[in-house]
PDB file of all heavy atoms in Angstrom:
ATOM      1  N   GLY A   1      59.768 152.611  29.484  1.00  0.00           N
ATOM      2  CA  GLY A   1      59.884 153.654  30.490  1.00  0.00           C
ATOM      3  C   GLY A   1      60.619 154.896  30.047  1.00  0.00           C
ATOM      4  O   GLY A   1      60.716 155.872  30.796  1.00  0.00           O
ATOM      5  N   GLY A   2      61.166 154.880  28.839  1.00  0.00           N
ATOM      6  CA  GLY A   2      61.850 156.065  28.350  1.00  0.00           C
ATOM      7  C   GLY A   2      60.865 157.180  28.028  1.00  0.00           C
ATOM      8  O   GLY A   2      59.650 156.986  28.047  1.00  0.00           O
ATOM      9  N   GLY A   3      61.423 158.350  27.736  1.00  0.00           N
ATOM     10  CA  GLY A   3      60.570 159.471  27.383  1.00  0.00           C
ATOM     11  C   GLY A   3      61.315 160.779  27.468  1.00  0.00           C
ATOM     12  O   GLY A   3      62.547 160.802  27.536  1.00  0.00           O
ATOM     13  N   LEU A   4      60.547 161.857  27.450  1.00  0.00           N
ATOM     14  CA  LEU A   4      61.084 163.216  27.525  1.00  0.00           C
ATOM     15  C   LEU A   4      60.859 163.742  28.936  1.00  0.00           C
ATOM     16  O   LEU A   4      59.743 163.680  29.460  1.00  0.00           O
ATOM     17  CB  LEU A   4      60.383 164.102  26.505  1.00  0.00           C
ATOM     18  CG  LEU A   4      60.705 165.599  26.548  1.00  0.00           C
ATOM     19  CD1 LEU A   4      62.172 165.834  26.216  1.00  0.00           C
ATOM     20  CD2 LEU A   4      59.800 166.357  25.577  1.00  0.00           C
ATOM     21  N   VAL A   5      61.922 164.267  29.536  1.00  0.00           N
ATOM     22  CA  VAL A   5      61.845 164.788  30.887  1.00  0.00           C
ATOM     23  C   VAL A   5      62.721 166.020  30.994  1.00  0.00           C
ATOM     24  O   VAL A   5      63.714 166.136  30.259  1.00  0.00           O
ATOM     25  CB  VAL A   5      62.263 163.707  31.910  1.00  0.00           C
ATOM     26  CG1 VAL A   5      63.717 163.314  31.731  1.00  0.00           C
ATOM     27  CG2 VAL A   5      61.989 164.117  33.330  1.00  0.00           C
ATOM     28  N   GLN A   6      62.359 166.925  31.871  1.00  0.00           N
ATOM     29  CA  GLN A   6      63.176 168.113  32.090  1.00  0.00           C
ATOM     30  C   GLN A   6      64.368 167.782  32.970  1.00  0.00           C
ATOM     31  O   GLN A   6      64.336 166.824  33.765  1.00  0.00           O
ATOM     32  CB  GLN A   6      62.339 169.209  32.746  1.00  0.00           C
ATOM     33  CG  GLN A   6      61.307 169.840  31.831  1.00  0.00           C
ATOM     34  CD  GLN A   6      60.647 171.061  32.435  1.00  0.00           C
ATOM     35  OE1 GLN A   6      60.521 171.166  33.652  1.00  0.00           O
ATOM     36  NE2 GLN A   6      60.220 171.982  31.592  1.00  0.00           N
ATOM     37  N   ALA A   7      65.399 168.556  32.829  1.00  0.00           N
ATOM     38  CA  ALA A   7      66.576 168.389  33.675  1.00  0.00           C
ATOM     39  C   ALA A   7      66.169 168.456  35.142  1.00  0.00           C
ATOM     40  O   ALA A   7      65.342 169.283  35.535  1.00  0.00           O
ATOM     41  CB  ALA A   7      67.604 169.476  33.363  1.00  0.00           C
ATOM     42  N   GLY A   8      66.749 167.545  35.922  1.00  0.00           N
ATOM     43  CA  GLY A   8      66.388 167.437  37.330  1.00  0.00           C
ATOM     44  C   GLY A   8      65.300 166.431  37.598  1.00  0.00           C
ATOM     45  O   GLY A   8      65.052 166.084  38.769  1.00  0.00           O
ATOM     46  N   GLY A   9      64.640 165.971  36.553  1.00  0.00           N
ATOM     47  CA  GLY A   9      63.546 165.029  36.709  1.00  0.00           C
ATOM     48  C   GLY A   9      64.027 163.592  36.837  1.00  0.00           C
ATOM     49  O   GLY A   9      65.232 163.314  36.911  1.00  0.00           O
ATOM     50  N   SER A  10      63.050 162.688  36.866  1.00  0.00           N
ATOM     51  CA  SER A  10      63.341 161.270  37.062  1.00  0.00           C
ATOM     52  C   SER A  10      62.591 160.413  36.047  1.00  0.00           C
ATOM     53  O   SER A  10      61.518 160.789  35.565  1.00  0.00           O
ATOM     54  CB  SER A  10      62.910 160.831  38.478  1.00  0.00           C
ATOM     55  OG  SER A  10      63.613 161.518  39.468  1.00  0.00           O
ATOM     56  N   LEU A  11      63.165 159.277  35.760  1.00  0.00           N
ATOM     57  CA  LEU A  11      62.525 158.241  34.957  1.00  0.00           C
ATOM     58  C   LEU A  11      62.919 156.897  35.530  1.00  0.00           C
ATOM     59  O   LEU A  11      64.005 156.747  36.102  1.00  0.00           O
ATOM     60  CB  LEU A  11      62.958 158.309  33.495  1.00  0.00           C
ATOM     61  CG  LEU A  11      62.386 159.400  32.604  1.00  0.00           C
ATOM     62  CD1 LEU A  11      63.079 159.377  31.243  1.00  0.00           C
ATOM     63  CD2 LEU A  11      60.884 159.251  32.435  1.00  0.00           C
ATOM     64  N   ARG A  12      62.046 155.918  35.333  1.00  0.00           N
ATOM     65  CA  ARG A  12      62.366 154.546  35.720  1.00  0.00           C
ATOM     66  C   ARG A  12      62.233 153.651  34.495  1.00  0.00           C
ATOM     67  O   ARG A  12      61.145 153.508  33.944  1.00  0.00           O
ATOM     68  CB  ARG A  12      61.426 154.052  36.807  1.00  0.00           C
ATOM     69  CG  ARG A  12      61.847 152.698  37.389  1.00  0.00           C
ATOM     70  CD  ARG A  12      60.734 152.112  38.219  1.00  0.00           C
ATOM     71  NE  ARG A  12      61.201 151.017  39.073  1.00  0.00           N
ATOM     72  CZ  ARG A  12      60.409 150.067  39.539  1.00  0.00           C
ATOM     73  NH1 ARG A  12      59.132 150.060  39.235  1.00  0.00           N
ATOM     74  NH2 ARG A  12      60.904 149.111  40.322  1.00  0.00           N
ATOM     75  N   LEU A  13      63.360 153.080  34.089  1.00  0.00           N
ATOM     76  CA  LEU A  13      63.361 152.160  32.962  1.00  0.00           C
ATOM     77  C   LEU A  13      63.153 150.737  33.463  1.00  0.00           C
ATOM     78  O   LEU A  13      63.629 150.367  34.535  1.00  0.00           O
ATOM     79  CB  LEU A  13      64.673 152.248  32.194  1.00  0.00           C
ATOM     80  CG  LEU A  13      65.102 153.628  31.702  1.00  0.00           C
ATOM     81  CD1 LEU A  13      66.378 153.501  30.878  1.00  0.00           C
ATOM     82  CD2 LEU A  13      64.007 154.302  30.913  1.00  0.00           C
ATOM     83  N   SER A  14      62.454 149.956  32.662  1.00  0.00           N
ATOM     84  CA  SER A  14      62.265 148.539  32.941  1.00  0.00           C
ATOM     85  C   SER A  14      62.780 147.721  31.771  1.00  0.00           C
ATOM     86  O   SER A  14      62.743 148.168  30.626  1.00  0.00           O
ATOM     87  CB  SER A  14      60.784 148.221  33.161  1.00  0.00           C
ATOM     88  OG  SER A  14      60.262 148.920  34.261  1.00  0.00           O
ATOM     89  N   CYS A  15      63.240 146.530  32.075  1.00  0.00           N
ATOM     90  CA  CYS A  15      63.691 145.591  31.046  1.00  0.00           C
ATOM     91  C   CYS A  15      63.086 144.241  31.377  1.00  0.00           C
ATOM     92  O   CYS A  15      63.484 143.601  32.353  1.00  0.00           O
ATOM     93  CB  CYS A  15      65.203 145.513  31.021  1.00  0.00           C
ATOM     94  SG  CYS A  15      65.857 144.199  29.965  1.00  0.00           S
ATOM     95  N   ALA A  16      62.120 143.836  30.581  1.00  0.00           N
ATOM     96  CA  ALA A  16      61.438 142.564  30.797  1.00  0.00           C
ATOM     97  C   ALA A  16      62.027 141.503  29.882  1.00  0.00           C
ATOM     98  O   ALA A  16      62.111 141.698  28.668  1.00  0.00           O
ATOM     99  CB  ALA A  16      59.952 142.714  30.536  1.00  0.00           C
ATOM    100  N   ALA A  17      62.408 140.392  30.479  1.00  0.00           N
ATOM    101  CA  ALA A  17      62.981 139.285  29.715  1.00  0.00           C
ATOM    102  C   ALA A  17      61.931 138.209  29.489  1.00  0.00           C
ATOM    103  O   ALA A  17      61.110 137.939  30.367  1.00  0.00           O
ATOM    104  CB  ALA A  17      64.177 138.704  30.453  1.00  0.00           C
ATOM    105  N   SER A  18      61.983 137.613  28.328  1.00  0.00           N
ATOM    106  CA  SER A  18      61.096 136.493  28.027  1.00  0.00           C
ATOM    107  C   SER A  18      61.854 135.466  27.199  1.00  0.00           C
ATOM    108  O   SER A  18      62.892 135.756  26.622  1.00  0.00           O
ATOM    109  CB  SER A  18      59.863 136.978  27.267  1.00  0.00           C
ATOM    110  OG  SER A  18      60.234 137.545  26.035  1.00  0.00           O
ATOM    111  N   GLY A  19      61.348 134.261  27.191  1.00  0.00           N
ATOM    112  CA  GLY A  19      61.980 133.200  26.417  1.00  0.00           C
ATOM    113  C   GLY A  19      62.936 132.350  27.232  1.00  0.00           C
ATOM    114  O   GLY A  19      63.239 131.216  26.859  1.00  0.00           O
ATOM    115  N   ARG A  20      63.457 132.891  28.292  1.00  0.00           N
ATOM    116  CA  ARG A  20      64.290 132.153  29.230  1.00  0.00           C
ATOM    117  C   ARG A  20      64.430 133.007  30.479  1.00  0.00           C
ATOM    118  O   ARG A  20      64.176 134.202  30.461  1.00  0.00           O
ATOM    119  CB  ARG A  20      65.661 131.807  28.653  1.00  0.00           C
ATOM    120  CG  ARG A  20      66.548 132.988  28.403  1.00  0.00           C
ATOM    121  CD  ARG A  20      67.999 132.563  28.224  1.00  0.00           C
ATOM    122  NE  ARG A  20      68.582 132.125  29.481  1.00  0.00           N
ATOM    123  CZ  ARG A  20      69.703 131.430  29.556  1.00  0.00           C
ATOM    124  NH1 ARG A  20      70.332 131.054  28.467  1.00  0.00           N
ATOM    125  NH2 ARG A  20      70.190 131.083  30.741  1.00  0.00           N
ATOM    126  N   THR A  21      64.857 132.383  31.546  1.00  0.00           N
ATOM    127  CA  THR A  21      65.076 133.135  32.776  1.00  0.00           C
ATOM    128  C   THR A  21      66.526 133.599  32.861  1.00  0.00           C
ATOM    129  O   THR A  21      67.445 132.892  32.435  1.00  0.00           O
ATOM    130  CB  THR A  21      64.729 132.295  34.014  1.00  0.00           C
ATOM    131  OG1 THR A  21      64.996 133.084  35.183  1.00  0.00           O
ATOM    132  CG2 THR A  21      65.563 131.027  34.073  1.00  0.00           C
ATOM    133  N   PHE A  22      66.707 134.803  33.361  1.00  0.00           N
ATOM    134  CA  PHE A  22      68.049 135.327  33.571  1.00  0.00           C
ATOM    135  C   PHE A  22      68.338 135.489  35.053  1.00  0.00           C
ATOM    136  O   PHE A  22      69.235 136.234  35.437  1.00  0.00           O
ATOM    137  CB  PHE A  22      68.192 136.676  32.856  1.00  0.00           C
ATOM    138  CG  PHE A  22      68.180 136.552  31.361  1.00  0.00           C
ATOM    139  CD1 PHE A  22      67.041 136.842  30.626  1.00  0.00           C
ATOM    140  CD2 PHE A  22      69.297 136.121  30.674  1.00  0.00           C
ATOM    141  CE1 PHE A  22      67.015 136.720  29.255  1.00  0.00           C
ATOM    142  CE2 PHE A  22      69.299 135.996  29.309  1.00  0.00           C
ATOM    143  CZ  PHE A  22      68.149 136.295  28.591  1.00  0.00           C
ATOM    144  N   SER A  23      67.596 134.796  35.882  1.00  0.00           N
ATOM    145  CA  SER A  23      67.727 134.976  37.324  1.00  0.00           C
ATOM    146  C   SER A  23      69.089 134.537  37.857  1.00  0.00           C
ATOM    147  O   SER A  23      69.465 134.913  38.964  1.00  0.00           O
ATOM    148  CB  SER A  23      66.608 134.229  38.049  1.00  0.00           C
ATOM    149  OG  SER A  23      66.666 132.843  37.758  1.00  0.00           O
ATOM    150  N   SER A  24      69.821 133.749  37.092  1.00  0.00           N
ATOM    151  CA  SER A  24      71.145 133.301  37.529  1.00  0.00           C
ATOM    152  C   SER A  24      72.269 134.091  36.888  1.00  0.00           C
ATOM    153  O   SER A  24      73.442 133.722  37.042  1.00  0.00           O
ATOM    154  CB  SER A  24      71.328 131.812  37.199  1.00  0.00           C
ATOM    155  OG  SER A  24      70.364 131.020  37.849  1.00  0.00           O
ATOM    156  N   HIS A  25      71.934 135.151  36.188  1.00  0.00           N
ATOM    157  CA  HIS A  25      72.930 135.857  35.379  1.00  0.00           C
ATOM    158  C   HIS A  25      72.963 137.353  35.652  1.00  0.00           C
ATOM    159  O   HIS A  25      71.962 137.948  36.045  1.00  0.00           O
ATOM    160  CB  HIS A  25      72.642 135.635  33.901  1.00  0.00           C
ATOM    161  CG  HIS A  25      72.650 134.194  33.516  1.00  0.00           C
ATOM    162  ND1 HIS A  25      73.803 133.443  33.486  1.00  0.00           N
ATOM    163  CD2 HIS A  25      71.635 133.358  33.176  1.00  0.00           C
ATOM    164  CE1 HIS A  25      73.510 132.208  33.125  1.00  0.00           C
ATOM    165  NE2 HIS A  25      72.211 132.125  32.940  1.00  0.00           N
ATOM    166  N   ALA A  26      74.119 137.925  35.430  1.00  0.00           N
ATOM    167  CA  ALA A  26      74.268 139.367  35.555  1.00  0.00           C
ATOM    168  C   ALA A  26      73.540 140.082  34.427  1.00  0.00           C
ATOM    169  O   ALA A  26      73.402 139.557  33.314  1.00  0.00           O
ATOM    170  CB  ALA A  26      75.746 139.738  35.538  1.00  0.00           C
ATOM    171  N   MET A  27      73.070 141.276  34.751  1.00  0.00           N
ATOM    172  CA  MET A  27      72.384 142.115  33.769  1.00  0.00           C
ATOM    173  C   MET A  27      73.011 143.499  33.787  1.00  0.00           C
ATOM    174  O   MET A  27      73.585 143.920  34.800  1.00  0.00           O
ATOM    175  CB  MET A  27      70.893 142.228  34.107  1.00  0.00           C
ATOM    176  CG  MET A  27      70.164 140.904  34.200  1.00  0.00           C
ATOM    177  SD  MET A  27      69.875 140.143  32.602  1.00  0.00           S
ATOM    178  CE  MET A  27      68.663 141.264  31.892  1.00  0.00           C
ATOM    179  N   GLY A  28      72.878 144.195  32.675  1.00  0.00           N
ATOM    180  CA  GLY A  28      73.460 145.524  32.611  1.00  0.00           C
ATOM    181  C   GLY A  28      72.625 146.501  31.806  1.00  0.00           C
ATOM    182  O   GLY A  28      71.739 146.099  31.047  1.00  0.00           O
ATOM    183  N   TRP A  29      72.908 147.770  32.015  1.00  0.00           N
ATOM    184  CA  TRP A  29      72.330 148.850  31.221  1.00  0.00           C
ATOM    185  C   TRP A  29      73.468 149.604  30.542  1.00  0.00           C
ATOM    186  O   TRP A  29      74.491 149.910  31.180  1.00  0.00           O
ATOM    187  CB  TRP A  29      71.537 149.818  32.091  1.00  0.00           C
ATOM    188  CG  TRP A  29      70.215 149.311  32.550  1.00  0.00           C
ATOM    189  CD1 TRP A  29      69.925 148.711  33.741  1.00  0.00           C
ATOM    190  CD2 TRP A  29      68.970 149.376  31.837  1.00  0.00           C
ATOM    191  NE1 TRP A  29      68.591 148.387  33.803  1.00  0.00           N
ATOM    192  CE2 TRP A  29      67.990 148.780  32.647  1.00  0.00           C
ATOM    193  CE3 TRP A  29      68.589 149.865  30.585  1.00  0.00           C
ATOM    194  CZ2 TRP A  29      66.649 148.673  32.254  1.00  0.00           C
ATOM    195  CZ3 TRP A  29      67.264 149.750  30.199  1.00  0.00           C
ATOM    196  CH2 TRP A  29      66.311 149.167  31.030  1.00  0.00           C
ATOM    197  N   PHE A  30      73.276 149.887  29.280  1.00  0.00           N
ATOM    198  CA  PHE A  30      74.209 150.683  28.501  1.00  0.00           C
ATOM    199  C   PHE A  30      73.423 151.794  27.814  1.00  0.00           C
ATOM    200  O   PHE A  30      72.193 151.735  27.747  1.00  0.00           O
ATOM    201  CB  PHE A  30      74.917 149.816  27.453  1.00  0.00           C
ATOM    202  CG  PHE A  30      75.855 148.806  28.052  1.00  0.00           C
ATOM    203  CD1 PHE A  30      75.382 147.644  28.636  1.00  0.00           C
ATOM    204  CD2 PHE A  30      77.230 149.019  28.031  1.00  0.00           C
ATOM    205  CE1 PHE A  30      76.246 146.724  29.211  1.00  0.00           C
ATOM    206  CE2 PHE A  30      78.108 148.102  28.590  1.00  0.00           C
ATOM    207  CZ  PHE A  30      77.606 146.949  29.180  1.00  0.00           C
ATOM    208  N   ARG A  31      74.126 152.779  27.290  1.00  0.00           N
ATOM    209  CA  ARG A  31      73.442 153.845  26.559  1.00  0.00           C
ATOM    210  C   ARG A  31      74.314 154.308  25.396  1.00  0.00           C
ATOM    211  O   ARG A  31      75.545 154.149  25.415  1.00  0.00           O
ATOM    212  CB  ARG A  31      73.109 155.016  27.471  1.00  0.00           C
ATOM    213  CG  ARG A  31      74.310 155.773  28.016  1.00  0.00           C
ATOM    214  CD  ARG A  31      73.866 156.818  29.033  1.00  0.00           C
ATOM    215  NE  ARG A  31      74.986 157.591  29.542  1.00  0.00           N
ATOM    216  CZ  ARG A  31      74.892 158.476  30.523  1.00  0.00           C
ATOM    217  NH1 ARG A  31      73.701 158.712  31.121  1.00  0.00           N
ATOM    218  NH2 ARG A  31      75.956 159.162  30.920  1.00  0.00           N
ATOM    219  N   GLN A  32      73.640 154.864  24.399  1.00  0.00           N
ATOM    220  CA  GLN A  32      74.343 155.392  23.244  1.00  0.00           C
ATOM    221  C   GLN A  32      73.699 156.702  22.822  1.00  0.00           C
ATOM    222  O   GLN A  32      72.513 156.735  22.462  1.00  0.00           O
ATOM    223  CB  GLN A  32      74.336 154.394  22.086  1.00  0.00           C
ATOM    224  CG  GLN A  32      75.197 154.822  20.921  1.00  0.00           C
ATOM    225  CD  GLN A  32      75.444 153.703  19.939  1.00  0.00           C
ATOM    226  OE1 GLN A  32      74.737 152.689  19.914  1.00  0.00           O
ATOM    227  NE2 GLN A  32      76.477 153.842  19.135  1.00  0.00           N
ATOM    228  N   ALA A  33      74.487 157.757  22.868  1.00  0.00           N
ATOM    229  CA  ALA A  33      74.028 159.070  22.428  1.00  0.00           C
ATOM    230  C   ALA A  33      74.376 159.251  20.955  1.00  0.00           C
ATOM    231  O   ALA A  33      75.298 158.595  20.448  1.00  0.00           O
ATOM    232  CB  ALA A  33      74.688 160.151  23.273  1.00  0.00           C
TER     233      ALA A  33
END
């Protein structure tokens, strides 16, 4: 879901998990510039 957008715009990121379920666990988003 990442990409190039102008200031003021919107994006929706998705994170799909596979190999095990994380439905019982906390999840987070981090970023690095």
